[in-house]
Amino acid sequence: MTRVVRFHEYGGPEVLQIDDIDVPAPTADEVQIAVRAIGLNRAEVMFRRNAYLQEAEFPSQLGYEAAGTIKALGGNVDGMSVGDAVSVIPTLDMARWGTYAEIINVPARHVVRHPENLSFEQAAASWMQYVTAWGALIEQAQLSAGEFVIVSAASSSVGIAAIQIARSVGATVIATTRSNAKADALRVAGAHHVIPTEEMDLAAEVAEITSGKGARVVFDPIGGPAIAQLAECMSVGGILLEYGALSTSEGPFPQFAVLGKSLTLKGYLYTEIVSDDAILDRAKDFINEGLRSGALEPLISRIFGFDQIQDATLFLESNAQIGKIVVSLD
């Protein structure tokens, strides 16, 4: 029997419970992992609250990220061995391949041997955030040295990852946050400039920083009225990648900025990266090299124990963190 976190109905963190269940042997294309650490993501909160892209079938597992050691291999799996230290790149179905458990089965294409310099906690805090940010900034926007990029809601784990990836290619990062409370931490995390949007005029500050040119790339999880504000901050030919919908309101379409600057506004999904083997391989190479060299360094806000899963996800929902929340099984 294995301890697995499941929920039997939609709701808040209190519906999460630890059940003892039998975990089957891995299928031919799967890897079985003895989990040492789990990374938490906001998508899991949305799934548990019935606000995600898929519906749960109860009782449901959940979770996208984990790190541990290989316990068993499916018959078709090559290039890995029992005992290897590995981490999980989020799959396309967290209910089927949930990671909140002591032992998990995951498709082999979503398992990667991470650099030896990472702890299991760091490895579990890496792949969702870096794959998401890399896919948008590098694969799609082709961000390069000397360019300006605006990273909205920058204190999130994906925001911190975007800051590091942008810096690694020589771009200048303008991070936004609601107030000054997290500004110093964002500068320490690597942001060249921090704009608290409730205290400063965003467009005016970006214009000053960029000498009136604007930022070519914007990476935003908020949406709503913020899109019109961000469009005003962009340069001619700029691209805005929208990867979330934290705003509950639909903002106006910024038609004059879009037309006048020939802007591209694109909805961006993580699945665009992990659904394509060639793109996913490029992501693995870039991220593993960055983790190995130290150019990418997961920022962990707090570590909880496995029995504290409700407290861990409650902290995630508080928005008080800067960086990633991790659950350790050690």
Protein backbone atom coordinates (compact mmCIF):
# COMPACT_ATOMS: atom_id res chain seq x y z
CA MET A 1 0.00 0.00 0.00
CA THR A 2 1.13 3.53 -0.80
CA ARG A 3 0.08 6.83 0.74
CA VAL A 4 -1.55 9.01 -1.91
CA VAL A 5 -3.20 12.44 -1.61
CA ARG A 6 -6.68 12.43 -3.14
CA PHE A 7 -9.87 14.49 -2.95
CA HIS A 8 -13.36 12.98 -2.96
CA GLU A 9 -15.22 16.23 -3.71
CA TYR A 10 -14.45 19.72 -4.95
CA GLY A 11 -13.53 22.33 -2.37
CA GLY A 12 -10.80 24.06 -0.41
CA PRO A 13 -7.60 22.54 1.01
CA GLU A 14 -9.66 20.70 3.62
CA VAL A 15 -10.93 18.21 1.01
CA LEU A 16 -7.40 16.85 0.49
CA GLN A 17 -6.83 13.59 2.33
CA ILE A 18 -4.14 10.93 2.46
CA ASP A 19 -5.42 7.50 1.39
CA ASP A 20 -3.66 4.14 1.37
CA ILE A 21 -4.01 2.53 -2.05
CA ASP A 22 -2.27 -0.05 -4.22
CA VAL A 23 -0.13 1.44 -6.99
CA PRO A 24 0.08 -0.85 -10.05
CA ALA A 25 3.28 -1.73 -11.86
CA PRO A 26 4.26 0.78 -14.56
CA THR A 27 2.90 0.18 -18.05
CA ALA A 28 5.28 -0.42 -20.95
CA ASP A 29 5.93 3.31 -21.51
CA GLU A 30 5.95 4.43 -17.87
CA VAL A 31 8.51 4.90 -15.13
CA GLN A 32 7.73 4.20 -11.47
CA ILE A 33 9.28 6.70 -9.06
CA ALA A 34 9.77 6.61 -5.30
CA VAL A 35 8.98 10.25 -4.56
CA ARG A 36 11.27 12.36 -2.40
CA ALA A 37 9.76 15.81 -3.03
CA ILE A 38 6.67 17.37 -4.67
CA GLY A 39 6.33 20.81 -6.25
CA LEU A 40 2.97 22.58 -5.86
CA ASN A 41 1.30 24.57 -8.64
CA ARG A 42 -1.68 26.88 -8.90
CA ALA A 43 -3.20 24.65 -11.58
CA GLU A 44 -3.70 21.99 -8.92
CA VAL A 45 -5.66 24.45 -6.79
CA MET A 46 -7.88 25.26 -9.77
CA PHE A 47 -8.39 21.55 -10.51
CA ARG A 48 -9.38 20.85 -6.90
CA ARG A 49 -11.84 23.77 -6.98
CA ASN A 50 -13.41 22.75 -10.34
CA ALA A 51 -11.99 25.77 -12.14
CA TYR A 52 -9.55 23.97 -14.43
CA LEU A 53 -9.52 22.65 -17.99
CA GLN A 54 -10.46 19.12 -16.92
CA GLU A 55 -13.04 17.68 -14.55
CA ALA A 56 -12.26 15.25 -11.75
CA GLU A 57 -13.60 11.73 -11.39
CA PHE A 58 -13.79 11.02 -7.67
CA PRO A 59 -11.78 10.05 -5.81
CA SER A 60 -9.18 11.96 -7.79
CA GLN A 61 -5.45 12.25 -7.58
CA LEU A 62 -3.66 15.46 -8.48
CA GLY A 63 -0.23 17.00 -8.89
CA TYR A 64 2.10 17.87 -11.74
CA GLU A 65 5.64 17.85 -10.32
CA ALA A 66 7.83 15.54 -8.25
CA ALA A 67 11.38 14.29 -7.89
CA GLY A 68 12.75 11.02 -6.57
CA THR A 69 14.47 7.80 -7.61
CA ILE A 70 13.41 5.25 -10.20
CA LYS A 71 11.84 2.19 -8.61
CA ALA A 72 10.80 0.28 -11.75
CA LEU A 73 10.78 0.66 -15.54
CA GLY A 74 8.19 -0.25 -18.15
CA GLY A 75 9.25 -2.73 -20.81
CA ASN A 76 9.63 -0.11 -23.57
CA VAL A 77 11.68 2.38 -21.54
CA ASP A 78 15.32 2.90 -22.57
CA GLY A 79 18.07 5.21 -21.35
CA MET A 80 17.17 5.09 -17.64
CA SER A 81 17.98 2.70 -14.81
CA VAL A 82 16.51 1.73 -11.47
CA GLY A 83 17.99 4.02 -8.82
CA ASP A 84 18.45 7.04 -11.12
CA ALA A 85 17.62 10.40 -9.56
CA VAL A 86 14.90 11.94 -11.72
CA SER A 87 12.26 14.64 -11.78
CA VAL A 88 8.89 14.91 -13.50
CA ILE A 89 7.99 17.28 -16.30
CA PRO A 90 4.25 17.93 -15.88
CA THR A 91 2.06 15.58 -17.89
CA LEU A 92 -1.13 16.35 -19.80
CA ASP A 93 -3.38 14.69 -17.20
CA MET A 94 -2.72 15.19 -13.50
CA ALA A 95 -5.68 13.02 -12.48
CA ARG A 96 -4.20 10.02 -14.29
CA TRP A 97 -0.56 10.68 -13.40
CA GLY A 98 -0.88 12.58 -10.12
CA THR A 99 2.34 13.30 -8.23
CA TYR A 100 1.02 13.84 -4.68
CA ALA A 101 2.05 10.37 -3.50
CA GLU A 102 4.88 8.26 -2.12
CA ILE A 103 5.09 6.15 -5.30
CA ILE A 104 3.94 7.31 -8.74
CA ASN A 105 3.86 6.09 -12.35
CA VAL A 106 4.68 8.66 -15.04
CA PRO A 107 5.14 8.45 -18.84
CA ALA A 108 8.84 8.08 -19.60
CA ARG A 109 8.90 11.12 -21.95
CA HIS A 110 7.98 13.26 -18.93
CA VAL A 111 10.82 11.95 -16.77
CA VAL A 112 14.27 13.56 -16.86
CA ARG A 113 17.54 12.90 -15.07
CA HIS A 114 18.25 16.24 -13.45
CA PRO A 115 21.74 17.61 -12.72
CA GLU A 116 23.50 16.14 -9.68
CA ASN A 117 23.96 19.57 -8.11
CA LEU A 118 20.20 19.80 -7.42
CA SER A 119 18.53 18.58 -4.25
CA PHE A 120 15.29 16.64 -4.67
CA GLU A 121 13.43 19.70 -3.38
CA GLN A 122 15.04 21.93 -6.01
CA ALA A 123 14.41 19.38 -8.76
CA ALA A 124 10.72 19.15 -7.81
CA ALA A 125 10.54 22.94 -8.01
CA SER A 126 11.94 23.24 -11.52
CA TRP A 127 10.07 21.88 -14.47
CA MET A 128 6.62 23.49 -14.57
CA GLN A 129 8.01 26.96 -14.06
CA TYR A 130 11.00 26.73 -16.38
CA VAL A 131 9.26 24.88 -19.21
CA THR A 132 6.39 27.39 -19.09
CA ALA A 133 8.69 30.42 -19.12
CA TRP A 134 11.13 28.97 -21.67
CA GLY A 135 8.37 28.05 -24.10
CA ALA A 136 6.98 31.55 -24.09
CA LEU A 137 10.11 33.69 -23.95
CA ILE A 138 12.57 31.63 -25.97
CA GLU A 139 10.63 29.23 -28.20
CA GLN A 140 7.82 31.61 -29.16
CA ALA A 141 8.95 35.20 -28.52
CA GLN A 142 12.62 34.48 -29.38
CA LEU A 143 13.77 36.88 -26.71
CA SER A 144 17.40 37.90 -27.16
CA ALA A 145 20.17 40.00 -25.68
CA GLY A 146 19.56 43.73 -25.36
CA GLU A 147 15.75 43.47 -25.48
CA PHE A 148 13.28 44.53 -22.80
CA VAL A 149 10.74 42.09 -21.37
CA ILE A 150 7.91 42.83 -18.93
CA VAL A 151 7.18 39.99 -16.50
CA SER A 152 3.82 40.49 -14.77
CA ALA A 153 2.97 39.02 -11.36
CA ALA A 154 6.66 38.37 -11.12
CA SER A 155 6.75 36.94 -7.59
CA SER A 156 5.11 33.69 -8.71
CA SER A 157 7.31 30.67 -9.38
CA VAL A 158 6.82 31.10 -13.15
CA GLY A 159 7.58 34.81 -12.81
CA ILE A 160 10.87 34.10 -11.03
CA ALA A 161 11.72 31.49 -13.69
CA ALA A 162 11.00 34.04 -16.43
CA ILE A 163 13.31 36.57 -14.78
CA GLN A 164 16.15 34.03 -14.69
CA ILE A 165 15.62 32.79 -18.24
CA ALA A 166 15.45 36.33 -19.62
CA ARG A 167 18.66 37.27 -17.81
CA SER A 168 20.37 34.12 -19.07
CA VAL A 169 20.00 35.33 -22.68
CA GLY A 170 20.99 38.91 -21.88
CA ALA A 171 17.57 40.61 -21.84
CA THR A 172 16.59 43.40 -19.46
CA VAL A 173 13.76 42.42 -17.10
CA ILE A 174 11.01 44.79 -15.96
CA ALA A 175 9.06 43.01 -13.23
CA THR A 176 5.64 44.10 -12.03
CA THR A 177 4.01 43.49 -8.68
CA ARG A 178 1.03 45.09 -6.98
CA SER A 179 2.86 46.88 -4.16
CA ASN A 180 6.36 47.55 -2.88
CA ALA A 181 6.10 44.67 -0.39
CA LYS A 182 7.88 42.21 -2.72
CA ALA A 183 9.97 44.70 -4.70
CA ASP A 184 13.27 44.12 -2.89
CA ALA A 185 12.88 40.35 -3.13
CA LEU A 186 12.28 40.62 -6.87
CA ARG A 187 15.44 42.66 -7.30
CA VAL A 188 17.37 40.04 -5.36
CA ALA A 189 15.79 37.41 -7.64
CA GLY A 190 17.27 39.17 -10.66
CA ALA A 191 14.81 41.78 -11.92
CA HIS A 192 16.61 44.82 -13.30
CA HIS A 193 13.59 47.05 -12.63
CA VAL A 194 10.51 46.56 -10.43
CA ILE A 195 7.27 48.52 -10.89
CA PRO A 196 4.57 48.32 -8.18
CA THR A 197 1.50 48.84 -10.34
CA GLU A 198 -0.76 50.12 -7.55
CA GLU A 199 1.75 52.83 -6.64
CA MET A 200 3.28 53.89 -9.96
CA ASP A 201 2.15 54.68 -13.49
CA LEU A 202 3.17 51.55 -15.40
CA ALA A 203 3.31 53.10 -18.87
CA ALA A 204 5.28 56.12 -17.68
CA GLU A 205 7.82 53.99 -15.82
CA VAL A 206 8.33 51.62 -18.77
CA ALA A 207 8.74 54.57 -21.13
CA GLU A 208 11.45 56.02 -18.90
CA ILE A 209 13.27 52.69 -18.52
CA THR A 210 13.21 51.96 -22.26
CA SER A 211 13.90 55.55 -23.38
CA GLY A 212 10.43 55.69 -24.92
CA LYS A 213 10.81 52.53 -27.04
CA GLY A 214 8.71 50.17 -24.94
CA ALA A 215 9.21 46.46 -24.29
CA ARG A 216 9.10 44.03 -27.21
CA VAL A 217 8.01 41.06 -25.08
CA VAL A 218 5.37 40.88 -22.34
CA PHE A 219 4.71 37.72 -20.30
CA ASP A 220 1.45 38.02 -18.37
CA PRO A 221 -0.77 35.67 -16.30
CA ILE A 222 -3.37 38.25 -15.28
CA GLY A 223 -5.33 39.30 -18.35
CA GLY A 224 -8.45 41.45 -18.00
CA PRO A 225 -7.98 45.23 -17.98
CA ALA A 226 -4.22 44.75 -17.50
CA ILE A 227 -3.82 43.75 -21.16
CA ALA A 228 -4.74 47.24 -22.34
CA GLN A 229 -2.27 48.76 -19.87
CA LEU A 230 0.49 46.44 -21.00
CA ALA A 231 -0.17 47.09 -24.67
CA GLU A 232 0.58 50.77 -24.05
CA CYS A 233 4.00 49.74 -22.73
CA MET A 234 5.03 47.72 -25.78
CA SER A 235 7.32 48.55 -28.67
CA VAL A 236 6.44 48.36 -32.36
CA GLY A 237 6.21 44.72 -33.43
CA GLY A 238 5.96 43.54 -29.85
CA ILE A 239 4.39 40.29 -28.65
CA LEU A 240 2.28 39.77 -25.52
CA LEU A 241 2.00 36.18 -24.33
CA GLU A 242 -1.01 35.59 -22.07
CA TYR A 243 -0.57 32.40 -20.03
CA GLY A 244 -3.22 32.84 -17.36
CA ALA A 245 -6.49 34.48 -16.41
CA LEU A 246 -6.05 35.61 -12.82
CA SER A 247 -8.34 38.55 -13.49
CA THR A 248 -12.02 37.73 -13.22
CA SER A 249 -12.91 40.60 -15.58
CA GLU A 250 -12.63 40.88 -19.33
CA GLY A 251 -10.79 44.03 -20.28
CA PRO A 252 -11.27 46.14 -23.40
CA PHE A 253 -9.44 45.10 -26.56
CA PRO A 254 -6.57 47.62 -27.05
CA GLN A 255 -7.26 48.11 -30.74
CA PHE A 256 -5.40 51.40 -31.19
CA ALA A 257 -2.21 50.09 -29.59
CA VAL A 258 -2.47 46.81 -31.49
CA LEU A 259 -2.96 48.54 -34.83
CA GLY A 260 -0.61 51.44 -34.24
CA LYS A 261 2.26 49.23 -33.09
CA SER A 262 1.49 46.09 -35.11
CA LEU A 263 1.31 44.04 -31.91
CA THR A 264 0.76 40.31 -31.50
CA LEU A 265 -1.44 39.21 -28.59
CA LYS A 266 -1.18 35.43 -28.15
CA GLY A 267 -2.79 33.01 -25.75
CA TYR A 268 -0.10 30.61 -24.58
CA LEU A 269 -0.53 27.14 -23.08
CA TYR A 270 2.10 24.95 -21.47
CA THR A 271 0.69 22.05 -23.49
CA GLU A 272 2.06 23.64 -26.68
CA ILE A 273 5.52 22.67 -25.46
CA VAL A 274 4.97 19.25 -23.89
CA SER A 275 2.81 17.98 -26.76
CA ASP A 276 5.66 18.25 -29.26
CA ASP A 277 8.63 15.89 -28.78
CA ALA A 278 11.13 18.08 -30.62
CA ILE A 279 10.19 21.23 -28.71
CA LEU A 280 10.17 19.34 -25.41
CA ASP A 281 13.68 18.05 -26.11
CA ARG A 282 14.88 21.61 -26.73
CA ALA A 283 13.30 22.67 -23.44
CA LYS A 284 14.99 19.82 -21.55
CA ASP A 285 18.40 20.71 -23.00
CA PHE A 286 18.11 24.44 -22.24
CA ILE A 287 16.77 23.97 -18.73
CA ASN A 288 19.13 21.17 -17.69
CA GLU A 289 22.10 23.22 -18.89
CA GLY A 290 20.84 26.26 -16.99
CA LEU A 291 20.29 24.23 -13.82
CA ARG A 292 23.72 22.64 -14.15
CA SER A 293 25.52 25.98 -14.65
CA GLY A 294 23.55 27.85 -12.00
CA ALA A 295 22.06 30.33 -14.48
CA LEU A 296 18.71 28.84 -13.44
CA GLU A 297 18.31 28.37 -9.70
CA PRO A 298 14.89 27.36 -8.30
CA LEU A 299 13.75 29.74 -5.59
CA ILE A 300 11.91 27.84 -2.85
CA SER A 301 9.62 29.86 -0.63
CA ARG A 302 8.85 27.16 1.95
CA ILE A 303 9.06 23.38 2.44
CA PHE A 304 6.29 21.37 4.13
CA GLY A 305 6.07 17.74 5.20
CA PHE A 306 3.84 15.24 3.38
CA ASP A 307 1.36 15.16 6.27
CA GLN A 308 1.08 18.96 5.99
CA ILE A 309 -0.37 18.88 2.47
CA GLN A 310 -3.43 20.90 3.49
CA ASP A 311 -1.25 23.58 5.11
CA ALA A 312 1.04 23.66 2.09
CA THR A 313 -1.77 24.26 -0.40
CA LEU A 314 -3.38 26.80 1.94
CA PHE A 315 -0.10 28.73 1.91
CA LEU A 316 -0.05 28.50 -1.89
CA GLU A 317 -3.51 30.05 -2.04
CA SER A 318 -2.49 32.88 0.31
CA ASN A 319 -0.26 34.46 -2.39
CA ALA A 320 2.23 35.32 0.35
CA GLN A 321 5.05 33.31 -1.21
CA ILE A 322 7.87 34.40 -3.49
CA GLY A 323 8.93 31.41 -5.54
CA LYS A 324 7.96 27.76 -5.20
CA ILE A 325 6.24 25.77 -2.43
CA VAL A 326 7.58 22.24 -1.99
CA VAL A 327 6.44 19.20 -0.01
CA SER A 328 9.26 16.93 1.17
CA LEU A 329 8.88 13.22 1.88
CA ASP A 330 12.30 12.93 3.54
